[in-house]
Amino acid sequence: MTCLVACLSTGKGTWGHVSRLIADGQWDKIFLITNDFGKENFNNEKQAEMIVVDSRVGLEDLREKIKLGLQGKLTGTEVAVNLISGEGKEHMAILSAILQLGFGMRFMALTKDGIKEI
C-alpha cells in the first residue's frame, strides 16, 4: 500500500472520480489538495486529510503550502498521485511539492477496468 495524494478542485464529474478512487483503492493515507468549498462539501467514507489551499496565490506559495501540509506525513519512497481534478497551476504545485520532499510518483486513475497506474 502507499499514500494517495489527489487534487480535489474544479472540473465537472471529477469529484466522483476521486471519490471512487478513494473508495476502491487500498491506501495507507489519503491527502486531498482542495479549497474551502471542497473541505466543506466533499464527503467520503475513508479517513482523508484535507490540505486547504487558495489557488489564487502565486505558484511558489501554493507549492509551499502543499509541501508543508505533506511534510513528515508521507511514507515509503513513492506516492500515488491523481490529478484528474483541478487546474494546471494546482497540478504543478502538487508535483513540485512531492518531488521537493524526495518522493517518487505513480500516477493512478480510475478506469473502466478499475484502478490502474497510467
N, C-alpha and C. Protein backbone atom coordinates (compact mmCIF):
# COMPACT_ATOMS: atom_id res chain seq x y z
N MET A 1 0.84 -1.18 0.00
CA MET A 1 0.00 0.00 0.00
C MET A 1 0.88 1.24 0.00
N THR A 2 0.28 2.32 -0.39
CA THR A 2 1.00 3.58 -0.49
C THR A 2 0.07 4.72 -0.11
N CYS A 3 0.61 5.90 0.00
CA CYS A 3 -0.20 7.09 0.26
C CYS A 3 -0.76 7.61 -1.06
N LEU A 4 -1.96 8.15 -1.01
CA LEU A 4 -2.59 8.78 -2.17
C LEU A 4 -2.61 10.28 -1.95
N VAL A 5 -2.13 11.02 -2.95
CA VAL A 5 -2.25 12.48 -2.97
C VAL A 5 -3.09 12.81 -4.19
N ALA A 6 -4.25 13.42 -3.96
CA ALA A 6 -5.16 13.73 -5.07
C ALA A 6 -5.58 15.19 -5.01
N CYS A 7 -5.72 15.77 -6.18
CA CYS A 7 -6.25 17.12 -6.30
C CYS A 7 -7.78 17.01 -6.32
N LEU A 8 -8.43 17.79 -5.47
CA LEU A 8 -9.89 17.80 -5.40
C LEU A 8 -10.32 19.24 -5.56
N SER A 9 -10.49 19.65 -6.80
CA SER A 9 -10.76 21.05 -7.07
C SER A 9 -11.92 21.18 -8.04
N THR A 10 -11.69 21.82 -9.17
CA THR A 10 -12.76 22.08 -10.13
C THR A 10 -12.75 21.06 -11.26
N GLY A 11 -13.85 20.99 -11.95
CA GLY A 11 -13.97 20.10 -13.10
C GLY A 11 -15.21 19.24 -12.97
N LYS A 12 -16.05 19.30 -13.96
CA LYS A 12 -17.31 18.56 -13.93
C LYS A 12 -17.06 17.05 -13.82
N GLY A 13 -17.64 16.44 -12.83
CA GLY A 13 -17.54 15.00 -12.65
C GLY A 13 -16.28 14.51 -11.98
N THR A 14 -15.35 15.39 -11.68
CA THR A 14 -14.07 14.94 -11.15
C THR A 14 -14.16 14.50 -9.69
N TRP A 15 -15.08 15.05 -8.94
CA TRP A 15 -15.23 14.63 -7.55
C TRP A 15 -15.67 13.17 -7.47
N GLY A 16 -16.53 12.75 -8.39
CA GLY A 16 -16.96 11.35 -8.42
C GLY A 16 -15.79 10.43 -8.70
N HIS A 17 -14.91 10.84 -9.60
CA HIS A 17 -13.72 10.05 -9.93
C HIS A 17 -12.84 9.91 -8.69
N VAL A 18 -12.58 11.01 -8.02
CA VAL A 18 -11.72 10.98 -6.83
C VAL A 18 -12.38 10.16 -5.73
N SER A 19 -13.67 10.30 -5.56
CA SER A 19 -14.40 9.54 -4.54
C SER A 19 -14.27 8.04 -4.76
N ARG A 20 -14.46 7.60 -6.00
CA ARG A 20 -14.33 6.17 -6.32
C ARG A 20 -12.90 5.68 -6.17
N LEU A 21 -11.94 6.51 -6.55
CA LEU A 21 -10.53 6.15 -6.39
C LEU A 21 -10.21 5.92 -4.92
N ILE A 22 -10.73 6.78 -4.06
CA ILE A 22 -10.53 6.62 -2.62
C ILE A 22 -11.23 5.35 -2.13
N ALA A 23 -12.47 5.17 -2.50
CA ALA A 23 -13.27 4.05 -2.01
C ALA A 23 -12.75 2.69 -2.49
N ASP A 24 -12.32 2.62 -3.74
CA ASP A 24 -11.92 1.34 -4.32
C ASP A 24 -10.46 0.98 -4.08
N GLY A 25 -9.65 1.95 -3.68
CA GLY A 25 -8.23 1.70 -3.51
C GLY A 25 -7.87 1.32 -2.09
N GLN A 26 -6.70 0.72 -1.95
CA GLN A 26 -6.15 0.38 -0.64
C GLN A 26 -5.00 1.35 -0.38
N TRP A 27 -5.24 2.36 0.45
CA TRP A 27 -4.28 3.41 0.69
C TRP A 27 -3.88 3.45 2.15
N ASP A 28 -2.57 3.65 2.41
CA ASP A 28 -2.10 3.84 3.78
C ASP A 28 -2.68 5.13 4.35
N LYS A 29 -2.56 6.20 3.59
CA LYS A 29 -3.07 7.50 3.98
C LYS A 29 -3.59 8.19 2.72
N ILE A 30 -4.54 9.10 2.91
CA ILE A 30 -5.12 9.84 1.78
C ILE A 30 -5.01 11.33 2.08
N PHE A 31 -4.45 12.07 1.11
CA PHE A 31 -4.32 13.51 1.23
C PHE A 31 -5.03 14.15 0.04
N LEU A 32 -5.94 15.06 0.32
CA LEU A 32 -6.68 15.74 -0.73
C LEU A 32 -6.29 17.21 -0.73
N ILE A 33 -5.79 17.67 -1.86
CA ILE A 33 -5.45 19.07 -2.03
C ILE A 33 -6.71 19.75 -2.56
N THR A 34 -7.28 20.65 -1.77
CA THR A 34 -8.59 21.21 -2.10
C THR A 34 -8.68 22.67 -1.66
N ASN A 35 -9.84 23.25 -1.86
CA ASN A 35 -10.11 24.61 -1.42
C ASN A 35 -11.16 24.56 -0.29
N ASP A 36 -11.55 25.72 0.20
CA ASP A 36 -12.55 25.76 1.28
C ASP A 36 -13.85 25.07 0.89
N PHE A 37 -14.28 25.27 -0.35
CA PHE A 37 -15.52 24.65 -0.82
C PHE A 37 -15.41 23.13 -0.77
N GLY A 38 -14.28 22.59 -1.23
CA GLY A 38 -14.08 21.15 -1.19
C GLY A 38 -14.06 20.60 0.22
N LYS A 39 -13.40 21.32 1.11
CA LYS A 39 -13.33 20.87 2.50
C LYS A 39 -14.72 20.79 3.12
N GLU A 40 -15.55 21.76 2.81
CA GLU A 40 -16.88 21.82 3.40
C GLU A 40 -17.88 20.87 2.75
N ASN A 41 -17.67 20.51 1.48
CA ASN A 41 -18.71 19.79 0.74
C ASN A 41 -18.37 18.39 0.28
N PHE A 42 -17.11 17.99 0.30
CA PHE A 42 -16.75 16.66 -0.16
C PHE A 42 -16.92 15.65 0.97
N ASN A 43 -17.61 14.56 0.67
CA ASN A 43 -17.83 13.50 1.65
C ASN A 43 -17.31 12.19 1.10
N ASN A 44 -16.66 11.43 1.94
CA ASN A 44 -16.26 10.07 1.57
C ASN A 44 -16.23 9.24 2.84
N GLU A 45 -16.17 7.94 2.66
CA GLU A 45 -16.25 7.03 3.80
C GLU A 45 -14.91 6.80 4.47
N LYS A 46 -13.82 7.00 3.77
CA LYS A 46 -12.50 6.76 4.33
C LYS A 46 -11.90 8.05 4.89
N GLN A 47 -11.06 7.87 5.89
CA GLN A 47 -10.35 9.00 6.51
C GLN A 47 -9.41 9.63 5.49
N ALA A 48 -9.53 10.93 5.30
CA ALA A 48 -8.66 11.68 4.39
C ALA A 48 -8.27 12.99 5.04
N GLU A 49 -7.02 13.37 4.88
CA GLU A 49 -6.58 14.66 5.38
C GLU A 49 -6.71 15.68 4.25
N MET A 50 -7.37 16.77 4.55
CA MET A 50 -7.56 17.84 3.56
C MET A 50 -6.48 18.90 3.77
N ILE A 51 -5.80 19.23 2.69
CA ILE A 51 -4.85 20.33 2.70
C ILE A 51 -5.52 21.44 1.91
N VAL A 52 -5.98 22.45 2.63
CA VAL A 52 -6.77 23.52 2.02
C VAL A 52 -5.83 24.60 1.49
N VAL A 53 -5.99 24.91 0.20
CA VAL A 53 -5.15 25.91 -0.45
C VAL A 53 -6.02 26.94 -1.15
N ASP A 54 -5.41 28.06 -1.46
CA ASP A 54 -6.05 29.12 -2.23
C ASP A 54 -5.29 29.21 -3.54
N SER A 55 -5.88 28.74 -4.62
CA SER A 55 -5.17 28.69 -5.90
C SER A 55 -4.94 30.07 -6.51
N ARG A 56 -5.45 31.11 -5.87
CA ARG A 56 -5.22 32.47 -6.38
C ARG A 56 -3.86 33.02 -5.98
N VAL A 57 -3.18 32.36 -5.03
CA VAL A 57 -1.85 32.82 -4.63
C VAL A 57 -0.83 32.43 -5.69
N GLY A 58 0.37 32.93 -5.56
CA GLY A 58 1.42 32.60 -6.52
C GLY A 58 1.78 31.13 -6.48
N LEU A 59 2.37 30.66 -7.56
CA LEU A 59 2.72 29.24 -7.70
C LEU A 59 3.66 28.76 -6.60
N GLU A 60 4.68 29.54 -6.27
CA GLU A 60 5.63 29.12 -5.24
C GLU A 60 4.96 29.05 -3.86
N ASP A 61 4.09 30.02 -3.57
CA ASP A 61 3.36 29.99 -2.29
C ASP A 61 2.43 28.79 -2.23
N LEU A 62 1.79 28.49 -3.34
CA LEU A 62 0.90 27.33 -3.41
C LEU A 62 1.70 26.05 -3.17
N ARG A 63 2.85 25.93 -3.83
CA ARG A 63 3.69 24.75 -3.64
C ARG A 63 4.12 24.62 -2.17
N GLU A 64 4.52 25.71 -1.56
CA GLU A 64 4.98 25.67 -0.17
C GLU A 64 3.86 25.25 0.78
N LYS A 65 2.66 25.72 0.55
CA LYS A 65 1.52 25.34 1.39
C LYS A 65 1.28 23.83 1.30
N ILE A 66 1.34 23.29 0.09
CA ILE A 66 1.15 21.85 -0.11
C ILE A 66 2.30 21.08 0.51
N LYS A 67 3.50 21.55 0.28
CA LYS A 67 4.70 20.89 0.82
C LYS A 67 4.64 20.82 2.35
N LEU A 68 4.28 21.92 2.98
CA LEU A 68 4.16 21.94 4.44
C LEU A 68 3.06 21.01 4.93
N GLY A 69 1.99 20.92 4.17
CA GLY A 69 0.89 20.04 4.54
C GLY A 69 1.23 18.56 4.45
N LEU A 70 2.16 18.22 3.55
CA LEU A 70 2.56 16.82 3.36
C LEU A 70 3.80 16.43 4.14
N GLN A 71 4.61 17.41 4.50
CA GLN A 71 5.91 17.14 5.13
C GLN A 71 5.77 16.30 6.39
N GLY A 72 6.54 15.21 6.43
CA GLY A 72 6.56 14.33 7.58
C GLY A 72 5.38 13.38 7.67
N LYS A 73 4.48 13.42 6.71
CA LYS A 73 3.27 12.60 6.78
C LYS A 73 3.25 11.48 5.75
N LEU A 74 4.02 11.61 4.69
CA LEU A 74 4.06 10.59 3.65
C LEU A 74 4.98 9.46 4.08
N THR A 75 4.68 8.25 3.62
CA THR A 75 5.50 7.10 3.97
C THR A 75 6.03 6.43 2.71
N GLY A 76 7.06 5.62 2.87
CA GLY A 76 7.63 4.90 1.74
C GLY A 76 8.53 5.79 0.91
N THR A 77 8.73 5.39 -0.34
CA THR A 77 9.61 6.14 -1.24
C THR A 77 8.86 6.77 -2.40
N GLU A 78 7.61 6.37 -2.59
CA GLU A 78 6.81 6.93 -3.66
C GLU A 78 5.37 7.06 -3.22
N VAL A 79 4.64 7.95 -3.89
CA VAL A 79 3.24 8.16 -3.57
C VAL A 79 2.40 7.98 -4.84
N ALA A 80 1.15 7.62 -4.64
CA ALA A 80 0.19 7.55 -5.74
C ALA A 80 -0.38 8.95 -5.92
N VAL A 81 -0.46 9.41 -7.15
CA VAL A 81 -0.93 10.77 -7.44
C VAL A 81 -2.08 10.70 -8.44
N ASN A 82 -3.12 11.51 -8.17
CA ASN A 82 -4.22 11.64 -9.11
C ASN A 82 -4.51 13.11 -9.30
N LEU A 83 -4.46 13.55 -10.56
CA LEU A 83 -4.67 14.96 -10.89
C LEU A 83 -5.84 15.16 -11.83
N ILE A 84 -6.84 14.28 -11.77
CA ILE A 84 -7.98 14.35 -12.67
C ILE A 84 -8.78 15.63 -12.41
N SER A 85 -8.76 16.11 -11.19
CA SER A 85 -9.48 17.31 -10.81
C SER A 85 -8.51 18.48 -10.74
N GLY A 86 -9.00 19.67 -10.94
CA GLY A 86 -8.17 20.85 -10.76
C GLY A 86 -7.62 21.42 -12.04
N GLU A 87 -6.72 22.38 -11.85
CA GLU A 87 -6.13 23.11 -12.97
C GLU A 87 -4.62 22.96 -12.97
N GLY A 88 -4.01 23.37 -14.06
CA GLY A 88 -2.57 23.21 -14.25
C GLY A 88 -1.72 23.81 -13.14
N LYS A 89 -2.08 24.96 -12.65
CA LYS A 89 -1.31 25.61 -11.58
C LYS A 89 -1.30 24.74 -10.33
N GLU A 90 -2.45 24.20 -9.97
CA GLU A 90 -2.53 23.31 -8.81
C GLU A 90 -1.71 22.05 -9.05
N HIS A 91 -1.79 21.52 -10.25
CA HIS A 91 -1.06 20.30 -10.59
C HIS A 91 0.45 20.52 -10.50
N MET A 92 0.92 21.65 -11.05
CA MET A 92 2.34 21.98 -10.99
C MET A 92 2.81 22.07 -9.54
N ALA A 93 2.03 22.72 -8.71
CA ALA A 93 2.41 22.90 -7.30
C ALA A 93 2.45 21.55 -6.57
N ILE A 94 1.50 20.68 -6.83
CA ILE A 94 1.47 19.36 -6.19
C ILE A 94 2.69 18.54 -6.62
N LEU A 95 2.94 18.48 -7.91
CA LEU A 95 4.08 17.70 -8.41
C LEU A 95 5.39 18.23 -7.84
N SER A 96 5.56 19.53 -7.86
CA SER A 96 6.78 20.13 -7.34
C SER A 96 6.95 19.85 -5.85
N ALA A 97 5.88 19.97 -5.07
CA ALA A 97 5.96 19.72 -3.63
C ALA A 97 6.38 18.28 -3.35
N ILE A 98 5.79 17.33 -4.04
CA ILE A 98 6.13 15.92 -3.83
C ILE A 98 7.58 15.65 -4.20
N LEU A 99 8.01 16.18 -5.33
CA LEU A 99 9.41 15.98 -5.75
C LEU A 99 10.38 16.64 -4.78
N GLN A 100 10.07 17.83 -4.31
CA GLN A 100 10.96 18.51 -3.37
C GLN A 100 11.03 17.79 -2.03
N LEU A 101 10.00 17.04 -1.69
CA LEU A 101 10.03 16.23 -0.46
C LEU A 101 10.80 14.92 -0.67
N GLY A 102 11.22 14.65 -1.91
CA GLY A 102 12.07 13.49 -2.19
C GLY A 102 11.32 12.21 -2.52
N PHE A 103 10.07 12.30 -2.91
CA PHE A 103 9.29 11.11 -3.22
C PHE A 103 9.14 10.91 -4.72
N GLY A 104 9.09 9.66 -5.12
CA GLY A 104 8.74 9.30 -6.48
C GLY A 104 7.22 9.29 -6.58
N MET A 105 6.72 9.23 -7.82
CA MET A 105 5.28 9.28 -8.02
C MET A 105 4.82 8.18 -8.98
N ARG A 106 3.65 7.65 -8.70
CA ARG A 106 2.94 6.76 -9.61
C ARG A 106 1.60 7.42 -9.87
N PHE A 107 1.27 7.63 -11.12
CA PHE A 107 0.02 8.29 -11.47
C PHE A 107 -1.08 7.25 -11.57
N MET A 108 -2.11 7.41 -10.73
CA MET A 108 -3.19 6.44 -10.63
C MET A 108 -4.49 7.07 -11.10
N ALA A 109 -5.31 6.24 -11.75
CA ALA A 109 -6.60 6.72 -12.24
C ALA A 109 -7.62 5.59 -12.17
N LEU A 110 -8.86 5.97 -12.08
CA LEU A 110 -9.97 5.03 -12.13
C LEU A 110 -10.31 4.82 -13.61
N THR A 111 -10.26 3.58 -14.05
CA THR A 111 -10.57 3.27 -15.45
C THR A 111 -11.78 2.33 -15.48
N LYS A 112 -12.21 1.98 -16.68
CA LYS A 112 -13.33 1.05 -16.81
C LYS A 112 -12.97 -0.33 -16.25
N ASP A 113 -11.66 -0.60 -16.09
CA ASP A 113 -11.18 -1.86 -15.54
C ASP A 113 -10.74 -1.73 -14.08
N GLY A 114 -11.11 -0.64 -13.43
CA GLY A 114 -10.73 -0.42 -12.04
C GLY A 114 -9.57 0.57 -11.93
N ILE A 115 -8.94 0.58 -10.78
CA ILE A 115 -7.82 1.49 -10.53
C ILE A 115 -6.59 0.97 -11.25
N LYS A 116 -5.97 1.84 -12.03
CA LYS A 116 -4.78 1.46 -12.81
C LYS A 116 -3.72 2.55 -12.70
N GLU A 117 -2.47 2.11 -12.77
CA GLU A 117 -1.38 3.06 -12.90
C GLU A 117 -1.31 3.46 -14.37
N ILE A 118 -1.18 4.75 -14.63
CA ILE A 118 -1.11 5.19 -16.02
C ILE A 118 0.28 5.70 -16.34
